[in-house]
Amino acid sequence: MECIATTSKAHCTCTYTSCDKRGNCCKCVEYHLKKGEIPGCFFTPAGEKTYDRSIRNFISDRSGQPA
């Protein structure tokens, strides 16, 4: 897949500021997909700050129920 998006850190909600993919959605999604994870921007602000990108944590975060 070719990414035609431009890099923009202004809209990126990921708090892992030292990540080289921060602000580049295509690279971020590709990276997390390969690891079986969900990108931080899909989580609530509190869920994102856990840095746990697992699918299990995502479901817990979005449902409001503990994992």
PDB file of N, CA and C in Angstrom:
ATOM      1  N   MET A   1       0.847  -1.181   0.000  1.00  0.00           N
ATOM      2  CA  MET A   1       0.000   0.000   0.000  1.00  0.00           C
ATOM      3  C   MET A   1       0.889   1.240   0.000  1.00  0.00           C
ATOM      4  N   GLU A   2       0.570   2.156  -0.854  1.00  0.00           N
ATOM      5  CA  GLU A   2       1.310   3.415  -0.899  1.00  0.00           C
ATOM      6  C   GLU A   2       0.597   4.439  -0.027  1.00  0.00           C
ATOM      7  N   CYS A   3       1.364   5.114   0.809  1.00  0.00           N
ATOM      8  CA  CYS A   3       0.795   6.128   1.697  1.00  0.00           C
ATOM      9  C   CYS A   3       0.900   7.492   1.016  1.00  0.00           C
ATOM     10  N   ILE A   4      -0.223   8.171   0.907  1.00  0.00           N
ATOM     11  CA  ILE A   4      -0.205   9.498   0.296  1.00  0.00           C
ATOM     12  C   ILE A   4      -0.425  10.602   1.327  1.00  0.00           C
ATOM     13  N   ALA A   5      -0.509  10.194   2.606  1.00  0.00           N
ATOM     14  CA  ALA A   5      -0.704  11.178   3.677  1.00  0.00           C
ATOM     15  C   ALA A   5       0.599  11.926   3.943  1.00  0.00           C
ATOM     16  N   THR A   6       0.465  13.094   4.478  1.00  0.00           N
ATOM     17  CA  THR A   6       1.639  13.857   4.865  1.00  0.00           C
ATOM     18  C   THR A   6       1.846  13.725   6.370  1.00  0.00           C
ATOM     19  N   THR A   7       3.059  13.878   6.795  1.00  0.00           N
ATOM     20  CA  THR A   7       3.364  13.796   8.216  1.00  0.00           C
ATOM     21  C   THR A   7       2.850  15.045   8.913  1.00  0.00           C
ATOM     22  N   SER A   8       2.123  14.843   9.992  1.00  0.00           N
ATOM     23  CA  SER A   8       1.586  15.970  10.741  1.00  0.00           C
ATOM     24  C   SER A   8       1.471  15.607  12.213  1.00  0.00           C
ATOM     25  N   LYS A   9       2.390  16.093  13.010  1.00  0.00           N
ATOM     26  CA  LYS A   9       2.370  15.817  14.441  1.00  0.00           C
ATOM     27  C   LYS A   9       1.316  16.646  15.163  1.00  0.00           C
ATOM     28  N   ALA A  10       0.780  17.659  14.516  1.00  0.00           N
ATOM     29  CA  ALA A  10      -0.202  18.533  15.157  1.00  0.00           C
ATOM     30  C   ALA A  10      -1.471  17.784  15.537  1.00  0.00           C
ATOM     31  N   HIS A  11      -1.884  16.793  14.749  1.00  0.00           N
ATOM     32  CA  HIS A  11      -3.115  16.059  15.028  1.00  0.00           C
ATOM     33  C   HIS A  11      -2.880  14.744  15.763  1.00  0.00           C
ATOM     34  N   CYS A  12      -1.641  14.346  15.947  1.00  0.00           N
ATOM     35  CA  CYS A  12      -1.316  13.056  16.548  1.00  0.00           C
ATOM     36  C   CYS A  12      -1.543  13.089  18.059  1.00  0.00           C
ATOM     37  N   THR A  13      -2.349  12.158  18.557  1.00  0.00           N
ATOM     38  CA  THR A  13      -2.662  12.116  19.984  1.00  0.00           C
ATOM     39  C   THR A  13      -1.764  11.165  20.766  1.00  0.00           C
ATOM     40  N   CYS A  14      -0.833  10.537  20.104  1.00  0.00           N
ATOM     41  CA  CYS A  14       0.086   9.619  20.781  1.00  0.00           C
ATOM     42  C   CYS A  14       1.041  10.416  21.676  1.00  0.00           C
ATOM     43  N   THR A  15       1.167   9.986  22.919  1.00  0.00           N
ATOM     44  CA  THR A  15       2.038  10.695  23.864  1.00  0.00           C
ATOM     45  C   THR A  15       3.460  10.142  23.884  1.00  0.00           C
ATOM     46  N   TYR A  16       3.744   9.135  23.064  1.00  0.00           N
ATOM     47  CA  TYR A  16       5.095   8.572  22.979  1.00  0.00           C
ATOM     48  C   TYR A  16       5.894   9.443  22.000  1.00  0.00           C
ATOM     49  N   THR A  17       6.374  10.546  22.508  1.00  0.00           N
ATOM     50  CA  THR A  17       6.957  11.583  21.650  1.00  0.00           C
ATOM     51  C   THR A  17       8.271  11.207  20.988  1.00  0.00           C
ATOM     52  N   SER A  18       8.970  10.200  21.494  1.00  0.00           N
ATOM     53  CA  SER A  18      10.241   9.830  20.873  1.00  0.00           C
ATOM     54  C   SER A  18      10.079   8.822  19.733  1.00  0.00           C
ATOM     55  N   CYS A  19       8.859   8.440  19.421  1.00  0.00           N
ATOM     56  CA  CYS A  19       8.613   7.488  18.334  1.00  0.00           C
ATOM     57  C   CYS A  19       8.862   8.153  16.983  1.00  0.00           C
ATOM     58  N   ASP A  20       9.616   7.479  16.136  1.00  0.00           N
ATOM     59  CA  ASP A  20       9.920   8.034  14.808  1.00  0.00           C
ATOM     60  C   ASP A  20       8.716   7.975  13.859  1.00  0.00           C
ATOM     61  N   LYS A  21       7.667   7.249  14.240  1.00  0.00           N
ATOM     62  CA  LYS A  21       6.463   7.163  13.415  1.00  0.00           C
ATOM     63  C   LYS A  21       5.382   8.135  13.872  1.00  0.00           C
ATOM     64  N   ARG A  22       5.606   8.830  14.947  1.00  0.00           N
ATOM     65  CA  ARG A  22       4.619   9.757  15.501  1.00  0.00           C
ATOM     66  C   ARG A  22       4.259  10.820  14.462  1.00  0.00           C
ATOM     67  N   GLY A  23       2.964  10.960  14.196  1.00  0.00           N
ATOM     68  CA  GLY A  23       2.493  11.936  13.225  1.00  0.00           C
ATOM     69  C   GLY A  23       2.405  11.409  11.807  1.00  0.00           C
ATOM     70  N   ASN A  24       2.899  10.209  11.561  1.00  0.00           N
ATOM     71  CA  ASN A  24       2.808   9.600  10.234  1.00  0.00           C
ATOM     72  C   ASN A  24       1.886   8.388  10.353  1.00  0.00           C
ATOM     73  N   CYS A  25       0.608   8.617  10.127  1.00  0.00           N
ATOM     74  CA  CYS A  25      -0.413   7.598  10.366  1.00  0.00           C
ATOM     75  C   CYS A  25      -0.150   6.299   9.612  1.00  0.00           C
ATOM     76  N   CYS A  26       0.230   6.388   8.361  1.00  0.00           N
ATOM     77  CA  CYS A  26       0.453   5.180   7.562  1.00  0.00           C
ATOM     78  C   CYS A  26       1.539   4.302   8.175  1.00  0.00           C
ATOM     79  N   LYS A  27       2.654   4.898   8.548  1.00  0.00           N
ATOM     80  CA  LYS A  27       3.745   4.126   9.141  1.00  0.00           C
ATOM     81  C   LYS A  27       3.369   3.593  10.512  1.00  0.00           C
ATOM     82  N   CYS A  28       2.635   4.372  11.278  1.00  0.00           N
ATOM     83  CA  CYS A  28       2.206   3.964  12.606  1.00  0.00           C
ATOM     84  C   CYS A  28       1.260   2.767  12.529  1.00  0.00           C
ATOM     85  N   VAL A  29       0.246   2.860  11.696  1.00  0.00           N
ATOM     86  CA  VAL A  29      -0.714   1.764  11.555  1.00  0.00           C
ATOM     87  C   VAL A  29      -0.011   0.512  11.049  1.00  0.00           C
ATOM     88  N   GLU A  30       0.847   0.639  10.063  1.00  0.00           N
ATOM     89  CA  GLU A  30       1.581  -0.507   9.528  1.00  0.00           C
ATOM     90  C   GLU A  30       2.420  -1.170  10.618  1.00  0.00           C
ATOM     91  N   TYR A  31       3.126  -0.370  11.411  1.00  0.00           N
ATOM     92  CA  TYR A  31       3.978  -0.874  12.490  1.00  0.00           C
ATOM     93  C   TYR A  31       3.151  -1.666  13.508  1.00  0.00           C
ATOM     94  N   HIS A  32       2.064  -1.083  13.978  1.00  0.00           N
ATOM     95  CA  HIS A  32       1.258  -1.752  15.000  1.00  0.00           C
ATOM     96  C   HIS A  32       0.527  -2.965  14.439  1.00  0.00           C
ATOM     97  N   LEU A  33       0.068  -2.902  13.199  1.00  0.00           N
ATOM     98  CA  LEU A  33      -0.593  -4.035  12.573  1.00  0.00           C
ATOM     99  C   LEU A  33       0.335  -5.248  12.526  1.00  0.00           C
ATOM    100  N   LYS A  34       1.584  -5.016  12.150  1.00  0.00           N
ATOM    101  CA  LYS A  34       2.563  -6.111  12.087  1.00  0.00           C
ATOM    102  C   LYS A  34       2.788  -6.751  13.449  1.00  0.00           C
ATOM    103  N   LYS A  35       2.586  -5.991  14.519  1.00  0.00           N
ATOM    104  CA  LYS A  35       2.783  -6.498  15.874  1.00  0.00           C
ATOM    105  C   LYS A  35       1.484  -7.010  16.501  1.00  0.00           C
ATOM    106  N   GLY A  36       0.377  -6.973  15.747  1.00  0.00           N
ATOM    107  CA  GLY A  36      -0.910  -7.406  16.272  1.00  0.00           C
ATOM    108  C   GLY A  36      -1.469  -6.443  17.303  1.00  0.00           C
ATOM    109  N   GLU A  37      -1.178  -5.165  17.119  1.00  0.00           N
ATOM    110  CA  GLU A  37      -1.573  -4.135  18.074  1.00  0.00           C
ATOM    111  C   GLU A  37      -2.500  -3.103  17.437  1.00  0.00           C
ATOM    112  N   ILE A  38      -2.991  -2.209  18.288  1.00  0.00           N
ATOM    113  CA  ILE A  38      -3.839  -1.092  17.875  1.00  0.00           C
ATOM    114  C   ILE A  38      -3.048   0.200  18.115  1.00  0.00           C
ATOM    115  N   PRO A  39      -3.003   1.135  17.162  1.00  0.00           N
ATOM    116  CA  PRO A  39      -2.299   2.401  17.387  1.00  0.00           C
ATOM    117  C   PRO A  39      -2.909   3.191  18.549  1.00  0.00           C
ATOM    118  N   GLY A  40      -2.103   3.957  19.225  1.00  0.00           N
ATOM    119  CA  GLY A  40      -2.522   4.722  20.393  1.00  0.00           C
ATOM    120  C   GLY A  40      -3.670   5.672  20.138  1.00  0.00           C
ATOM    121  N   CYS A  41      -3.784   6.213  18.933  1.00  0.00           N
ATOM    122  CA  CYS A  41      -4.831   7.195  18.641  1.00  0.00           C
ATOM    123  C   CYS A  41      -6.235   6.596  18.661  1.00  0.00           C
ATOM    124  N   PHE A  42      -6.358   5.282  18.659  1.00  0.00           N
ATOM    125  CA  PHE A  42      -7.666   4.632  18.728  1.00  0.00           C
ATOM    126  C   PHE A  42      -8.182   4.546  20.163  1.00  0.00           C
ATOM    127  N   PHE A  43      -7.292   4.719  21.136  1.00  0.00           N
ATOM    128  CA  PHE A  43      -7.641   4.600  22.550  1.00  0.00           C
ATOM    129  C   PHE A  43      -8.181   5.916  23.102  1.00  0.00           C
ATOM    130  N   THR A  44      -8.819   5.829  24.266  1.00  0.00           N
ATOM    131  CA  THR A  44      -9.179   7.041  24.996  1.00  0.00           C
ATOM    132  C   THR A  44      -7.873   7.674  25.482  1.00  0.00           C
ATOM    133  N   PRO A  45      -7.876   8.930  25.890  1.00  0.00           N
ATOM    134  CA  PRO A  45      -6.646   9.531  26.416  1.00  0.00           C
ATOM    135  C   PRO A  45      -6.031   8.730  27.574  1.00  0.00           C
ATOM    136  N   ALA A  46      -6.864   8.242  28.481  1.00  0.00           N
ATOM    137  CA  ALA A  46      -6.342   7.454  29.611  1.00  0.00           C
ATOM    138  C   ALA A  46      -5.774   6.118  29.130  1.00  0.00           C
ATOM    139  N   GLY A  47      -6.458   5.470  28.212  1.00  0.00           N
ATOM    140  CA  GLY A  47      -5.989   4.193  27.673  1.00  0.00           C
ATOM    141  C   GLY A  47      -4.705   4.340  26.883  1.00  0.00           C
ATOM    142  N   GLU A  48      -4.580   5.426  26.146  1.00  0.00           N
ATOM    143  CA  GLU A  48      -3.365   5.666  25.357  1.00  0.00           C
ATOM    144  C   GLU A  48      -2.150   5.806  26.254  1.00  0.00           C
ATOM    145  N   LYS A  49      -2.322   6.452  27.384  1.00  0.00           N
ATOM    146  CA  LYS A  49      -1.188   6.704  28.283  1.00  0.00           C
ATOM    147  C   LYS A  49      -0.642   5.455  28.955  1.00  0.00           C
ATOM    148  N   THR A  50      -1.349   4.314  28.850  1.00  0.00           N
ATOM    149  CA  THR A  50      -0.838   3.064  29.424  1.00  0.00           C
ATOM    150  C   THR A  50       0.260   2.467  28.547  1.00  0.00           C
ATOM    151  N   TYR A  51       0.340   2.893  27.297  1.00  0.00           N
ATOM    152  CA  TYR A  51       1.261   2.343  26.290  1.00  0.00           C
ATOM    153  C   TYR A  51       1.032   0.860  26.030  1.00  0.00           C
ATOM    154  N   ASP A  52      -0.087   0.311  26.512  1.00  0.00           N
ATOM    155  CA  ASP A  52      -0.458  -1.073  26.230  1.00  0.00           C
ATOM    156  C   ASP A  52      -1.330  -1.049  24.989  1.00  0.00           C
ATOM    157  N   ARG A  53      -0.761  -1.424  23.845  1.00  0.00           N
ATOM    158  CA  ARG A  53      -1.455  -1.336  22.561  1.00  0.00           C
ATOM    159  C   ARG A  53      -2.144  -2.645  22.176  1.00  0.00           C
ATOM    160  N   SER A  54      -2.295  -3.545  23.141  1.00  0.00           N
ATOM    161  CA  SER A  54      -2.909  -4.841  22.841  1.00  0.00           C
ATOM    162  C   SER A  54      -4.388  -4.679  22.500  1.00  0.00           C
ATOM    163  N   ILE A  55      -4.889  -5.634  21.729  1.00  0.00           N
ATOM    164  CA  ILE A  55      -6.300  -5.633  21.368  1.00  0.00           C
ATOM    165  C   ILE A  55      -7.142  -5.806  22.620  1.00  0.00           C
ATOM    166  N   ARG A  56      -6.692  -6.633  23.526  1.00  0.00           N
ATOM    167  CA  ARG A  56      -7.410  -6.848  24.788  1.00  0.00           C
ATOM    168  C   ARG A  56      -7.549  -5.540  25.567  1.00  0.00           C
ATOM    169  N   ASN A  57      -6.468  -4.773  25.661  1.00  0.00           N
ATOM    170  CA  ASN A  57      -6.517  -3.499  26.377  1.00  0.00           C
ATOM    171  C   ASN A  57      -7.407  -2.491  25.650  1.00  0.00           C
ATOM    172  N   PHE A  58      -7.395  -2.526  24.333  1.00  0.00           N
ATOM    173  CA  PHE A  58      -8.255  -1.633  23.555  1.00  0.00           C
ATOM    174  C   PHE A  58      -9.730  -1.902  23.857  1.00  0.00           C
ATOM    175  N   ILE A  59     -10.101  -3.174  23.847  1.00  0.00           N
ATOM    176  CA  ILE A  59     -11.504  -3.526  24.132  1.00  0.00           C
ATOM    177  C   ILE A  59     -11.871  -3.098  25.546  1.00  0.00           C
ATOM    178  N   SER A  60     -10.984  -3.340  26.488  1.00  0.00           N
ATOM    179  CA  SER A  60     -11.226  -2.936  27.873  1.00  0.00           C
ATOM    180  C   SER A  60     -11.355  -1.433  27.986  1.00  0.00           C
ATOM    181  N   ASP A  61     -10.456  -0.722  27.338  1.00  0.00           N
ATOM    182  CA  ASP A  61     -10.441   0.739  27.382  1.00  0.00           C
ATOM    183  C   ASP A  61     -11.732   1.316  26.813  1.00  0.00           C
ATOM    184  N   ARG A  62     -12.163   0.825  25.688  1.00  0.00           N
ATOM    185  CA  ARG A  62     -13.343   1.360  25.011  1.00  0.00           C
ATOM    186  C   ARG A  62     -14.660   0.895  25.630  1.00  0.00           C
ATOM    187  N   SER A  63     -14.650  -0.254  26.306  1.00  0.00           N
ATOM    188  CA  SER A  63     -15.880  -0.761  26.901  1.00  0.00           C
ATOM    189  C   SER A  63     -16.063  -0.249  28.334  1.00  0.00           C
ATOM    190  N   GLY A  64     -14.967   0.231  28.928  1.00  0.00           N
ATOM    191  CA  GLY A  64     -15.026   0.694  30.309  1.00  0.00           C
ATOM    192  C   GLY A  64     -14.978  -0.444  31.312  1.00  0.00           C
ATOM    193  N   GLN A  65     -14.745  -1.653  30.818  1.00  0.00           N
ATOM    194  CA  GLN A  65     -14.664  -2.845  31.669  1.00  0.00           C
ATOM    195  C   GLN A  65     -13.202  -3.266  31.823  1.00  0.00           C
ATOM    196  N   PRO A  66     -12.804  -3.749  33.004  1.00  0.00           N
ATOM    197  CA  PRO A  66     -11.424  -4.236  33.179  1.00  0.00           C
ATOM    198  C   PRO A  66     -11.144  -5.436  32.282  1.00  0.00           C
ATOM    199  N   ALA A  67      -9.905  -5.539  31.850  1.00  0.00           N
ATOM    200  CA  ALA A  67      -9.501  -6.648  30.962  1.00  0.00           C
ATOM    201  C   ALA A  67      -9.520  -7.981  31.664  1.00  0.00           C
TER     202      ALA A  67
END
